[in-house]
PDB file of N, CA and C in Angstrom:
ATOM      1  N   MET A   1     116.261  15.420 -74.919  1.00  0.00           N
ATOM      2  CA  MET A   1     116.000  16.215 -74.595  1.00  0.00           C
ATOM      3  C   MET A   1     117.538  15.741 -73.434  1.00  0.00           C
ATOM      4  N   ALA A   2     118.368  17.195 -73.587  1.00  0.00           N
ATOM      5  CA  ALA A   2     119.685  16.854 -71.705  1.00  0.00           C
ATOM      6  C   ALA A   2     118.550  17.710 -70.886  1.00  0.00           C
ATOM      7  N   LYS A   3     119.019  16.920 -69.599  1.00  0.00           N
ATOM      8  CA  LYS A   3     118.404  17.805 -68.326  1.00  0.00           C
ATOM      9  C   LYS A   3     119.572  18.567 -68.399  1.00  0.00           C
ATOM     10  N   LYS A   4     118.149  19.543 -67.363  1.00  0.00           N
ATOM     11  CA  LYS A   4     119.244  20.574 -66.775  1.00  0.00           C
ATOM     12  C   LYS A   4     119.381  20.984 -65.421  1.00  0.00           C
ATOM     13  N   LYS A   5     120.269  20.871 -64.313  1.00  0.00           N
ATOM     14  CA  LYS A   5     120.516  20.826 -63.788  1.00  0.00           C
ATOM     15  C   LYS A   5     119.860  21.745 -63.222  1.00  0.00           C
ATOM     16  N   GLU A   6     119.710  21.692 -61.390  1.00  0.00           N
ATOM     17  CA  GLU A   6     118.655  22.454 -60.470  1.00  0.00           C
ATOM     18  C   GLU A   6     119.239  24.053 -60.815  1.00  0.00           C
ATOM     19  N   GLU A   7     118.619  24.215 -61.008  1.00  0.00           N
ATOM     20  CA  GLU A   7     118.948  26.015 -61.043  1.00  0.00           C
ATOM     21  C   GLU A   7     118.742  26.678 -59.170  1.00  0.00           C
ATOM     22  N   ILE A   8     119.657  27.462 -58.943  1.00  0.00           N
ATOM     23  CA  ILE A   8     119.703  27.725 -57.710  1.00  0.00           C
ATOM     24  C   ILE A   8     118.802  29.294 -57.831  1.00  0.00           C
ATOM     25  N   LYS A   9     117.948  29.170 -56.623  1.00  0.00           N
ATOM     26  CA  LYS A   9     117.521  30.645 -56.616  1.00  0.00           C
ATOM     27  C   LYS A   9     118.169  32.005 -55.732  1.00  0.00           C
ATOM     28  N   PHE A  10     118.585  32.930 -56.263  1.00  0.00           N
ATOM     29  CA  PHE A  10     119.221  33.477 -56.141  1.00  0.00           C
ATOM     30  C   PHE A  10     118.151  34.248 -55.385  1.00  0.00           C
ATOM     31  N   SER A  11     117.438  34.492 -55.349  1.00  0.00           N
ATOM     32  CA  SER A  11     116.453  35.508 -55.283  1.00  0.00           C
ATOM     33  C   SER A  11     115.794  35.009 -53.681  1.00  0.00           C
ATOM     34  N   GLU A  12     115.305  33.592 -53.771  1.00  0.00           N
ATOM     35  CA  GLU A  12     115.337  33.184 -52.130  1.00  0.00           C
ATOM     36  C   GLU A  12     116.482  32.737 -50.954  1.00  0.00           C
ATOM     37  N   LEU A  13     117.567  33.632 -51.470  1.00  0.00           N
ATOM     38  CA  LEU A  13     118.725  33.299 -50.542  1.00  0.00           C
ATOM     39  C   LEU A  13     118.448  34.425 -49.478  1.00  0.00           C
ATOM     40  N   THR A  14     119.132  33.608 -48.412  1.00  0.00           N
ATOM     41  CA  THR A  14     119.615  35.632 -47.550  1.00  0.00           C
ATOM     42  C   THR A  14     121.512  36.065 -48.453  1.00  0.00           C
ATOM     43  N   THR A  15     122.356  37.211 -47.835  1.00  0.00           N
ATOM     44  CA  THR A  15     123.799  37.250 -48.217  1.00  0.00           C
ATOM     45  C   THR A  15     124.333  36.521 -47.745  1.00  0.00           C
ATOM     46  N   ASP A  16     124.104  35.741 -46.219  1.00  0.00           N
ATOM     47  CA  ASP A  16     125.575  35.627 -45.976  1.00  0.00           C
ATOM     48  C   ASP A  16     124.966  33.723 -46.671  1.00  0.00           C
ATOM     49  N   GLU A  17     123.468  32.810 -47.216  1.00  0.00           N
ATOM     50  CA  GLU A  17     123.921  32.193 -48.270  1.00  0.00           C
ATOM     51  C   GLU A  17     124.421  32.378 -49.150  1.00  0.00           C
ATOM     52  N   LEU A  18     124.321  33.926 -49.911  1.00  0.00           N
ATOM     53  CA  LEU A  18     124.750  34.506 -51.318  1.00  0.00           C
ATOM     54  C   LEU A  18     126.355  34.353 -50.706  1.00  0.00           C
ATOM     55  N   ARG A  19     126.715  34.640 -50.436  1.00  0.00           N
ATOM     56  CA  ARG A  19     127.924  34.704 -49.561  1.00  0.00           C
ATOM     57  C   ARG A  19     128.895  33.785 -50.033  1.00  0.00           C
ATOM     58  N   VAL A  20     128.126  32.598 -48.749  1.00  0.00           N
ATOM     59  CA  VAL A  20     128.599  31.423 -49.209  1.00  0.00           C
ATOM     60  C   VAL A  20     128.706  30.827 -50.745  1.00  0.00           C
ATOM     61  N   LYS A  21     127.410  30.451 -51.480  1.00  0.00           N
ATOM     62  CA  LYS A  21     127.589  30.320 -52.996  1.00  0.00           C
ATOM     63  C   LYS A  21     127.914  31.112 -52.921  1.00  0.00           C
ATOM     64  N   LEU A  22     128.527  32.504 -53.520  1.00  0.00           N
ATOM     65  CA  LEU A  22     129.960  32.841 -54.701  1.00  0.00           C
ATOM     66  C   LEU A  22     131.029  32.502 -54.272  1.00  0.00           C
ATOM     67  N   ARG A  23     131.480  31.841 -52.702  1.00  0.00           N
ATOM     68  CA  ARG A  23     132.762  31.657 -52.289  1.00  0.00           C
ATOM     69  C   ARG A  23     132.698  30.297 -52.820  1.00  0.00           C
ATOM     70  N   GLU A  24     131.617  29.163 -52.879  1.00  0.00           N
ATOM     71  CA  GLU A  24     131.799  28.313 -53.489  1.00  0.00           C
ATOM     72  C   GLU A  24     132.182  28.127 -54.573  1.00  0.00           C
ATOM     73  N   ASN A  25     131.854  28.854 -55.648  1.00  0.00           N
ATOM     74  CA  ASN A  25     131.882  29.055 -57.082  1.00  0.00           C
ATOM     75  C   ASN A  25     132.952  29.837 -57.480  1.00  0.00           C
ATOM     76  N   GLN A  26     133.230  30.395 -56.389  1.00  0.00           N
ATOM     77  CA  GLN A  26     134.909  30.965 -56.897  1.00  0.00           C
ATOM     78  C   GLN A  26     135.812  29.859 -57.339  1.00  0.00           C
ATOM     79  N   GLU A  27     135.469  29.188 -56.010  1.00  0.00           N
ATOM     80  CA  GLU A  27     136.530  28.178 -55.546  1.00  0.00           C
ATOM     81  C   GLU A  27     136.528  26.639 -56.806  1.00  0.00           C
ATOM     82  N   LYS A  28     135.357  27.175 -57.419  1.00  0.00           N
ATOM     83  CA  LYS A  28     134.789  25.509 -58.301  1.00  0.00           C
ATOM     84  C   LYS A  28     135.635  26.314 -59.741  1.00  0.00           C
ATOM     85  N   LEU A  29     135.904  28.187 -59.995  1.00  0.00           N
ATOM     86  CA  LEU A  29     136.675  28.118 -60.933  1.00  0.00           C
ATOM     87  C   LEU A  29     137.855  28.233 -60.694  1.00  0.00           C
ATOM     88  N   PHE A  30     137.897  28.227 -59.918  1.00  0.00           N
ATOM     89  CA  PHE A  30     139.980  28.674 -59.682  1.00  0.00           C
ATOM     90  C   PHE A  30     140.516  26.706 -59.765  1.00  0.00           C
ATOM     91  N   GLN A  31     139.575  25.696 -59.736  1.00  0.00           N
ATOM     92  CA  GLN A  31     139.675  24.631 -59.534  1.00  0.00           C
ATOM     93  C   GLN A  31     139.413  24.119 -60.803  1.00  0.00           C
ATOM     94  N   LEU A  32     138.465  24.706 -61.930  1.00  0.00           N
ATOM     95  CA  LEU A  32     137.767  24.518 -63.197  1.00  0.00           C
ATOM     96  C   LEU A  32     138.426  24.689 -64.331  1.00  0.00           C
ATOM     97  N   LYS A  33     139.989  25.841 -63.527  1.00  0.00           N
ATOM     98  CA  LYS A  33     140.760  26.623 -64.718  1.00  0.00           C
ATOM     99  C   LYS A  33     142.628  26.100 -64.445  1.00  0.00           C
ATOM    100  N   PHE A  34     142.630  25.221 -63.456  1.00  0.00           N
ATOM    101  CA  PHE A  34     144.345  24.667 -63.244  1.00  0.00           C
ATOM    102  C   PHE A  34     143.572  23.634 -63.333  1.00  0.00           C
ATOM    103  N   GLN A  35     142.473  22.756 -64.211  1.00  0.00           N
ATOM    104  CA  GLN A  35     142.197  21.084 -64.700  1.00  0.00           C
ATOM    105  C   GLN A  35     142.423  21.708 -65.622  1.00  0.00           C
ATOM    106  N   ASN A  36     141.320  22.610 -66.732  1.00  0.00           N
ATOM    107  CA  ASN A  36     142.153  22.817 -68.068  1.00  0.00           C
ATOM    108  C   ASN A  36     143.607  22.917 -68.595  1.00  0.00           C
ATOM    109  N   THR A  37     143.717  23.481 -67.686  1.00  0.00           N
ATOM    110  CA  THR A  37     145.321  24.005 -68.108  1.00  0.00           C
ATOM    111  C   THR A  37     146.459  23.315 -68.181  1.00  0.00           C
ATOM    112  N   THR A  38     146.380  22.053 -66.939  1.00  0.00           N
ATOM    113  CA  THR A  38     146.518  20.682 -66.843  1.00  0.00           C
ATOM    114  C   THR A  38     146.743  20.161 -68.342  1.00  0.00           C
ATOM    115  N   ALA A  39     144.863  19.216 -68.080  1.00  0.00           N
ATOM    116  CA  ALA A  39     144.792  18.734 -69.275  1.00  0.00           C
ATOM    117  C   ALA A  39     143.374  18.638 -69.306  1.00  0.00           C
ATOM    118  N   PRO A  40     142.962  19.024 -70.542  1.00  0.00           N
ATOM    119  CA  PRO A  40     142.066  19.004 -71.407  1.00  0.00           C
ATOM    120  C   PRO A  40     140.633  18.974 -70.316  1.00  0.00           C
ATOM    121  N   LEU A  41     139.907  19.627 -70.056  1.00  0.00           N
ATOM    122  CA  LEU A  41     138.006  18.696 -69.412  1.00  0.00           C
ATOM    123  C   LEU A  41     137.275  18.922 -70.622  1.00  0.00           C
ATOM    124  N   LYS A  42     136.836  16.928 -70.127  1.00  0.00           N
ATOM    125  CA  LYS A  42     135.774  17.227 -70.699  1.00  0.00           C
ATOM    126  C   LYS A  42     134.436  17.725 -70.960  1.00  0.00           C
ATOM    127  N   ASN A  43     134.017  18.649 -70.538  1.00  0.00           N
ATOM    128  CA  ASN A  43     133.358  20.169 -70.329  1.00  0.00           C
ATOM    129  C   ASN A  43     133.683  21.382 -70.359  1.00  0.00           C
ATOM    130  N   PRO A  44     134.746  21.860 -70.996  1.00  0.00           N
ATOM    131  CA  PRO A  44     135.325  22.668 -71.286  1.00  0.00           C
ATOM    132  C   PRO A  44     133.458  24.184 -70.449  1.00  0.00           C
ATOM    133  N   ARG A  45     133.083  24.163 -70.864  1.00  0.00           N
ATOM    134  CA  ARG A  45     131.353  24.811 -70.574  1.00  0.00           C
ATOM    135  C   ARG A  45     131.310  24.945 -69.162  1.00  0.00           C
ATOM    136  N   GLU A  46     131.399  24.254 -68.755  1.00  0.00           N
ATOM    137  CA  GLU A  46     131.332  24.189 -67.113  1.00  0.00           C
ATOM    138  C   GLU A  46     131.935  25.535 -66.149  1.00  0.00           C
ATOM    139  N   ILE A  47     133.499  25.802 -67.592  1.00  0.00           N
ATOM    140  CA  ILE A  47     133.941  27.297 -66.995  1.00  0.00           C
ATOM    141  C   ILE A  47     133.065  28.020 -67.042  1.00  0.00           C
ATOM    142  N   ARG A  48     132.424  28.520 -68.088  1.00  0.00           N
ATOM    143  CA  ARG A  48     131.176  28.788 -68.144  1.00  0.00           C
ATOM    144  C   ARG A  48     129.929  29.454 -67.917  1.00  0.00           C
ATOM    145  N   THR A  49     129.935  28.392 -67.481  1.00  0.00           N
ATOM    146  CA  THR A  49     128.318  28.348 -66.280  1.00  0.00           C
ATOM    147  C   THR A  49     128.935  28.942 -65.181  1.00  0.00           C
ATOM    148  N   THR A  50     130.103  28.689 -64.476  1.00  0.00           N
ATOM    149  CA  THR A  50     130.937  28.462 -63.421  1.00  0.00           C
ATOM    150  C   THR A  50     130.377  30.838 -62.567  1.00  0.00           C
ATOM    151  N   ARG A  51     131.338  31.127 -63.868  1.00  0.00           N
ATOM    152  CA  ARG A  51     131.130  32.367 -64.122  1.00  0.00           C
ATOM    153  C   ARG A  51     129.964  32.621 -64.453  1.00  0.00           C
ATOM    154  N   ARG A  52     129.426  33.154 -65.003  1.00  0.00           N
ATOM    155  CA  ARG A  52     127.219  32.849 -65.102  1.00  0.00           C
ATOM    156  C   ARG A  52     127.051  33.043 -63.159  1.00  0.00           C
ATOM    157  N   THR A  53     127.165  32.119 -63.131  1.00  0.00           N
ATOM    158  CA  THR A  53     127.170  31.992 -61.248  1.00  0.00           C
ATOM    159  C   THR A  53     127.905  32.954 -60.847  1.00  0.00           C
ATOM    160  N   ILE A  54     128.744  33.018 -60.948  1.00  0.00           N
ATOM    161  CA  ILE A  54     129.140  33.215 -60.312  1.00  0.00           C
ATOM    162  C   ILE A  54     128.976  35.679 -60.270  1.00  0.00           C
ATOM    163  N   ALA A  55     128.935  35.579 -61.734  1.00  0.00           N
ATOM    164  CA  ALA A  55     128.014  36.862 -61.535  1.00  0.00           C
ATOM    165  C   ALA A  55     126.499  37.703 -61.509  1.00  0.00           C
ATOM    166  N   ARG A  56     125.433  36.312 -61.003  1.00  0.00           N
ATOM    167  CA  ARG A  56     124.273  35.942 -61.458  1.00  0.00           C
ATOM    168  C   ARG A  56     124.110  36.339 -59.287  1.00  0.00           C
ATOM    169  N   ALA A  57     125.086  35.463 -58.622  1.00  0.00           N
ATOM    170  CA  ALA A  57     125.319  35.806 -57.694  1.00  0.00           C
ATOM    171  C   ALA A  57     126.059  37.184 -56.371  1.00  0.00           C
ATOM    172  N   LEU A  58     126.410  37.736 -57.405  1.00  0.00           N
ATOM    173  CA  LEU A  58     127.209  39.774 -57.196  1.00  0.00           C
ATOM    174  C   LEU A  58     126.036  40.427 -58.369  1.00  0.00           C
ATOM    175  N   THR A  59     125.386  39.672 -58.772  1.00  0.00           N
ATOM    176  CA  THR A  59     123.944  40.982 -59.011  1.00  0.00           C
ATOM    177  C   THR A  59     123.289  41.017 -57.635  1.00  0.00           C
ATOM    178  N   PHE A  60     122.263  39.379 -57.897  1.00  0.00           N
ATOM    179  CA  PHE A  60     121.736  40.064 -56.369  1.00  0.00           C
ATOM    180  C   PHE A  60     122.789  39.803 -55.354  1.00  0.00           C
ATOM    181  N   LEU A  61     123.606  40.763 -55.229  1.00  0.00           N
ATOM    182  CA  LEU A  61     123.973  40.494 -53.503  1.00  0.00           C
ATOM    183  C   LEU A  61     124.302  42.628 -54.183  1.00  0.00           C
ATOM    184  N   ARG A  62     124.512  42.837 -54.787  1.00  0.00           N
ATOM    185  CA  ARG A  62     124.116  43.917 -55.276  1.00  0.00           C
ATOM    186  C   ARG A  62     123.009  44.916 -54.329  1.00  0.00           C
ATOM    187  N   GLN A  63     122.346  43.813 -55.587  1.00  0.00           N
ATOM    188  CA  GLN A  63     120.818  43.974 -55.514  1.00  0.00           C
ATOM    189  C   GLN A  63     119.911  44.132 -54.284  1.00  0.00           C
ATOM    190  N   LYS A  64     121.109  43.446 -52.482  1.00  0.00           N
ATOM    191  CA  LYS A  64     120.519  43.938 -51.634  1.00  0.00           C
ATOM    192  C   LYS A  64     121.101  44.400 -51.057  1.00  0.00           C
ATOM    193  N   GLY A  65     121.337  45.133 -51.494  1.00  0.00           N
ATOM    194  CA  GLY A  65     122.340  46.659 -51.374  1.00  0.00           C
ATOM    195  C   GLY A  65     123.520  45.734 -50.386  1.00  0.00           C
ATOM    196  N   VAL A  66     124.191  44.901 -50.895  1.00  0.00           N
ATOM    197  CA  VAL A  66     125.057  44.843 -49.964  1.00  0.00           C
ATOM    198  C   VAL A  66     126.705  44.528 -50.321  1.00  0.00           C
ATOM    199  N   SER A  67     127.774  45.247 -50.334  1.00  0.00           N
ATOM    200  CA  SER A  67     129.251  44.688 -50.621  1.00  0.00           C
ATOM    201  C   SER A  67     129.688  43.140 -50.729  1.00  0.00           C
ATOM    202  N   ALA A  68     130.065  43.137 -51.798  1.00  0.00           N
ATOM    203  CA  ALA A  68     130.301  41.726 -51.900  1.00  0.00           C
ATOM    204  C   ALA A  68     131.724  41.732 -51.603  1.00  0.00           C
TER     205      ALA A  68
END
């Protein structure tokens, strides 16, 4: 069975920490897309998981009533 990466507990993060995670993942997504354009990634699924992580961070920010 494959090992799962550590899941981020978004519900336990403060709004500032959520914003930092959001920004980090947005930069990571940009880099992954750029790398995928120049040469195929070894793990193209990483783009999908990064997009979903961004969506989770945005969801929790909106639940806390803070605009991203």
